[in-house]
Amino acid sequence: MFLKEKILQELELKPELIFTIMKELGEEDYRTDSNGDYLFRTICHGGDSYKLHYFQEDRQFHCYTGCSCNYSIFDLVSKIKNIDFGESQRFIASILNISNSYFVKGFKDNSSEQDWMIINKFKRLNQ
């Protein structure tokens, strides 16, 4: 099982873990909307309004102000911590006490990390 899949599985089994991750990102407060979805402050762009919605059904965030972006938990961590996708997986795994050495058929899951390393290298060349 890939690390990403293990993290998503844990979030599905224990939805309250999203609060643990958000607390580590500096957001301890939340509200709920009429559907029971969570509203956090818009930490994705340094705002203080409660317009960063976390939709429990699909485990996705959407910012309704400022950046107007959709985020997976990995994307949100990457944006806030200014780290790549692989680092965001390891950051979340450490918060949730998940081993980051998940294997698939004997191989370590580092394919997405290598992909991001290539993309990040390309970004640096074109800045």
C-alpha atoms as a PDB file:
ATOM      1  CA  MET A   1       0.000   0.000   0.000  1.00  0.00           C
ATOM      2  CA  PHE A   2       1.249   3.461  -0.860  1.00  0.00           C
ATOM      3  CA  LEU A   3       1.803   5.950   1.961  1.00  0.00           C
ATOM      4  CA  LYS A   4      -0.741   8.331   0.421  1.00  0.00           C
ATOM      5  CA  GLU A   5      -3.359   5.561   0.350  1.00  0.00           C
ATOM      6  CA  LYS A   6      -2.628   4.606   3.962  1.00  0.00           C
ATOM      7  CA  ILE A   7      -3.095   8.221   5.090  1.00  0.00           C
ATOM      8  CA  LEU A   8      -6.368   8.554   3.159  1.00  0.00           C
ATOM      9  CA  GLN A   9      -7.544   5.258   4.608  1.00  0.00           C
ATOM     10  CA  GLU A  10      -6.841   6.511   8.131  1.00  0.00           C
ATOM     11  CA  LEU A  11      -8.726   9.750   7.427  1.00  0.00           C
ATOM     12  CA  GLU A  12     -11.677   7.743   6.155  1.00  0.00           C
ATOM     13  CA  LEU A  13     -11.686   5.478   9.213  1.00  0.00           C
ATOM     14  CA  LYS A  14     -11.112   8.335  11.670  1.00  0.00           C
ATOM     15  CA  PRO A  15     -12.386  11.606  10.167  1.00  0.00           C
ATOM     16  CA  GLU A  16     -11.504  13.473  13.363  1.00  0.00           C
ATOM     17  CA  LEU A  17      -7.809  13.127  12.445  1.00  0.00           C
ATOM     18  CA  ILE A  18      -8.259  16.110  10.139  1.00  0.00           C
ATOM     19  CA  PHE A  19      -8.335  18.259  13.294  1.00  0.00           C
ATOM     20  CA  THR A  20      -4.971  16.840  14.399  1.00  0.00           C
ATOM     21  CA  ILE A  21      -3.432  17.782  11.057  1.00  0.00           C
ATOM     22  CA  MET A  22      -5.017  21.243  11.012  1.00  0.00           C
ATOM     23  CA  LYS A  23      -3.776  21.891  14.555  1.00  0.00           C
ATOM     24  CA  GLU A  24      -0.220  21.116  13.411  1.00  0.00           C
ATOM     25  CA  LEU A  25      -0.736  23.638  10.609  1.00  0.00           C
ATOM     26  CA  GLY A  26      -1.669  26.299  13.151  1.00  0.00           C
ATOM     27  CA  GLU A  27      -5.450  26.086  12.908  1.00  0.00           C
ATOM     28  CA  GLU A  28      -7.119  24.882  16.090  1.00  0.00           C
ATOM     29  CA  ASP A  29     -10.554  26.421  15.660  1.00  0.00           C
ATOM     30  CA  TYR A  30     -13.318  25.309  13.314  1.00  0.00           C
ATOM     31  CA  ARG A  31     -17.025  25.626  12.714  1.00  0.00           C
ATOM     32  CA  THR A  32     -19.538  23.430  10.942  1.00  0.00           C
ATOM     33  CA  ASP A  33     -21.986  24.265   8.199  1.00  0.00           C
ATOM     34  CA  SER A  34     -25.574  23.041   7.817  1.00  0.00           C
ATOM     35  CA  ASN A  35     -24.323  19.858   6.075  1.00  0.00           C
ATOM     36  CA  GLY A  36     -21.954  19.014   8.917  1.00  0.00           C
ATOM     37  CA  ASP A  37     -18.854  19.885   6.886  1.00  0.00           C
ATOM     38  CA  TYR A  38     -16.045  21.754   8.613  1.00  0.00           C
ATOM     39  CA  LEU A  39     -15.125  25.396   8.151  1.00  0.00           C
ATOM     40  CA  PHE A  40     -11.607  26.511   8.981  1.00  0.00           C
ATOM     41  CA  ARG A  41      -9.956  29.878   8.676  1.00  0.00           C
ATOM     42  CA  THR A  42      -8.424  30.443   5.266  1.00  0.00           C
ATOM     43  CA  ILE A  43      -4.883  29.547   6.300  1.00  0.00           C
ATOM     44  CA  CYS A  44      -4.109  28.700   2.665  1.00  0.00           C
ATOM     45  CA  HIS A  45      -3.576  32.397   1.990  1.00  0.00           C
ATOM     46  CA  GLY A  46      -3.231  33.892   5.453  1.00  0.00           C
ATOM     47  CA  GLY A  47      -6.857  34.897   5.891  1.00  0.00           C
ATOM     48  CA  ASP A  48      -8.923  34.838   9.051  1.00  0.00           C
ATOM     49  CA  SER A  49     -12.432  34.205   7.689  1.00  0.00           C
ATOM     50  CA  TYR A  50     -13.957  30.745   8.096  1.00  0.00           C
ATOM     51  CA  LYS A  51     -14.223  30.056   4.376  1.00  0.00           C
ATOM     52  CA  LEU A  52     -11.862  27.120   3.977  1.00  0.00           C
ATOM     53  CA  HIS A  53     -14.403  24.309   3.740  1.00  0.00           C
ATOM     54  CA  TYR A  54     -13.504  20.676   4.364  1.00  0.00           C
ATOM     55  CA  PHE A  55     -15.953  18.357   2.668  1.00  0.00           C
ATOM     56  CA  GLN A  56     -15.968  15.108   4.628  1.00  0.00           C
ATOM     57  CA  GLU A  57     -17.532  13.002   1.900  1.00  0.00           C
ATOM     58  CA  ASP A  58     -14.684  13.463  -0.578  1.00  0.00           C
ATOM     59  CA  ARG A  59     -12.028  14.583   1.956  1.00  0.00           C
ATOM     60  CA  GLN A  60     -11.276  17.757  -0.003  1.00  0.00           C
ATOM     61  CA  PHE A  61     -10.878  21.417   0.917  1.00  0.00           C
ATOM     62  CA  HIS A  62     -12.156  24.415  -1.002  1.00  0.00           C
ATOM     63  CA  CYS A  63     -11.270  28.016  -0.255  1.00  0.00           C
ATOM     64  CA  TYR A  64     -14.177  30.352  -0.917  1.00  0.00           C
ATOM     65  CA  THR A  65     -12.063  33.521  -0.673  1.00  0.00           C
ATOM     66  CA  GLY A  66      -8.616  34.708  -1.685  1.00  0.00           C
ATOM     67  CA  CYS A  67      -7.141  31.805  -3.607  1.00  0.00           C
ATOM     68  CA  SER A  68     -10.438  30.026  -4.545  1.00  0.00           C
ATOM     69  CA  CYS A  69      -8.551  26.723  -4.769  1.00  0.00           C
ATOM     70  CA  ASN A  70      -9.396  23.095  -4.190  1.00  0.00           C
ATOM     71  CA  TYR A  71      -6.955  21.141  -2.043  1.00  0.00           C
ATOM     72  CA  SER A  72      -6.396  17.604  -0.971  1.00  0.00           C
ATOM     73  CA  ILE A  73      -4.902  17.397   2.507  1.00  0.00           C
ATOM     74  CA  PHE A  74      -1.529  16.829   0.819  1.00  0.00           C
ATOM     75  CA  ASP A  75      -1.907  19.931  -1.372  1.00  0.00           C
ATOM     76  CA  LEU A  76      -2.946  22.057   1.595  1.00  0.00           C
ATOM     77  CA  VAL A  77       0.028  20.925   3.671  1.00  0.00           C
ATOM     78  CA  SER A  78       2.347  21.508   0.707  1.00  0.00           C
ATOM     79  CA  LYS A  79       1.032  25.048   0.238  1.00  0.00           C
ATOM     80  CA  ILE A  80       1.097  26.059   3.893  1.00  0.00           C
ATOM     81  CA  LYS A  81       4.458  24.460   4.744  1.00  0.00           C
ATOM     82  CA  ASN A  82       5.990  25.304   1.328  1.00  0.00           C
ATOM     83  CA  ILE A  83       7.076  21.688   0.813  1.00  0.00           C
ATOM     84  CA  ASP A  84       6.664  19.189  -2.010  1.00  0.00           C
ATOM     85  CA  PHE A  85       4.136  16.368  -2.229  1.00  0.00           C
ATOM     86  CA  GLY A  86       6.442  13.681  -0.845  1.00  0.00           C
ATOM     87  CA  GLU A  87       7.368  15.853   2.120  1.00  0.00           C
ATOM     88  CA  SER A  88       3.697  16.569   2.792  1.00  0.00           C
ATOM     89  CA  GLN A  89       3.002  12.822   2.916  1.00  0.00           C
ATOM     90  CA  ARG A  90       5.841  12.311   5.394  1.00  0.00           C
ATOM     91  CA  PHE A  91       4.698  15.308   7.478  1.00  0.00           C
ATOM     92  CA  ILE A  92       1.141  13.972   7.731  1.00  0.00           C
ATOM     93  CA  ALA A  93       2.355  10.422   8.373  1.00  0.00           C
ATOM     94  CA  SER A  94       4.487  11.637  11.271  1.00  0.00           C
ATOM     95  CA  ILE A  95       1.547  13.533  12.788  1.00  0.00           C
ATOM     96  CA  LEU A  96      -0.691  10.474  12.517  1.00  0.00           C
ATOM     97  CA  ASN A  97       2.031   8.069  13.674  1.00  0.00           C
ATOM     98  CA  ILE A  98       1.963   6.156  10.392  1.00  0.00           C
ATOM     99  CA  SER A  99       5.129   4.472   9.233  1.00  0.00           C
ATOM    100  CA  ASN A 100       6.289   6.020   5.964  1.00  0.00           C
ATOM    101  CA  SER A 101       7.848   2.786   4.755  1.00  0.00           C
ATOM    102  CA  TYR A 102       4.830   1.234   3.065  1.00  0.00           C
ATOM    103  CA  PHE A 103       5.681  -1.192   0.305  1.00  0.00           C
ATOM    104  CA  VAL A 104       3.934  -2.482  -2.777  1.00  0.00           C
ATOM    105  CA  LYS A 105       5.142  -5.887  -3.977  1.00  0.00           C
ATOM    106  CA  GLY A 106       8.460  -5.279  -2.255  1.00  0.00           C
ATOM    107  CA  PHE A 107       9.124  -1.819  -3.633  1.00  0.00           C
ATOM    108  CA  LYS A 108       9.086   1.393  -1.669  1.00  0.00           C
ATOM    109  CA  ASP A 109       6.497   3.952  -2.693  1.00  0.00           C
ATOM    110  CA  ASN A 110       8.602   6.824  -3.912  1.00  0.00           C
ATOM    111  CA  SER A 111       7.219   7.231  -7.420  1.00  0.00           C
ATOM    112  CA  SER A 112       5.230  10.366  -6.621  1.00  0.00           C
ATOM    113  CA  GLU A 113       8.182  11.810  -4.718  1.00  0.00           C
ATOM    114  CA  GLN A 114      10.428  11.301  -7.765  1.00  0.00           C
ATOM    115  CA  ASP A 115       7.781  12.873  -9.998  1.00  0.00           C
ATOM    116  CA  TRP A 116       7.654  15.959  -7.768  1.00  0.00           C
ATOM    117  CA  MET A 117      11.456  16.177  -7.692  1.00  0.00           C
ATOM    118  CA  ILE A 118      11.435  16.354 -11.494  1.00  0.00           C
ATOM    119  CA  ILE A 119       8.662  18.959 -11.523  1.00  0.00           C
ATOM    120  CA  ASN A 120      10.360  21.060  -8.833  1.00  0.00           C
ATOM    121  CA  LYS A 121      13.636  20.953 -10.766  1.00  0.00           C
ATOM    122  CA  PHE A 122      11.797  22.144 -13.891  1.00  0.00           C
ATOM    123  CA  LYS A 123      10.175  24.989 -11.964  1.00  0.00           C
ATOM    124  CA  ARG A 124      13.559  26.177 -10.720  1.00  0.00           C
ATOM    125  CA  LEU A 125      15.014  26.218 -14.237  1.00  0.00           C
ATOM    126  CA  ASN A 126      12.184  28.376 -15.541  1.00  0.00           C
ATOM    127  CA  GLN A 127      12.010  30.976 -12.770  1.00  0.00           C
END
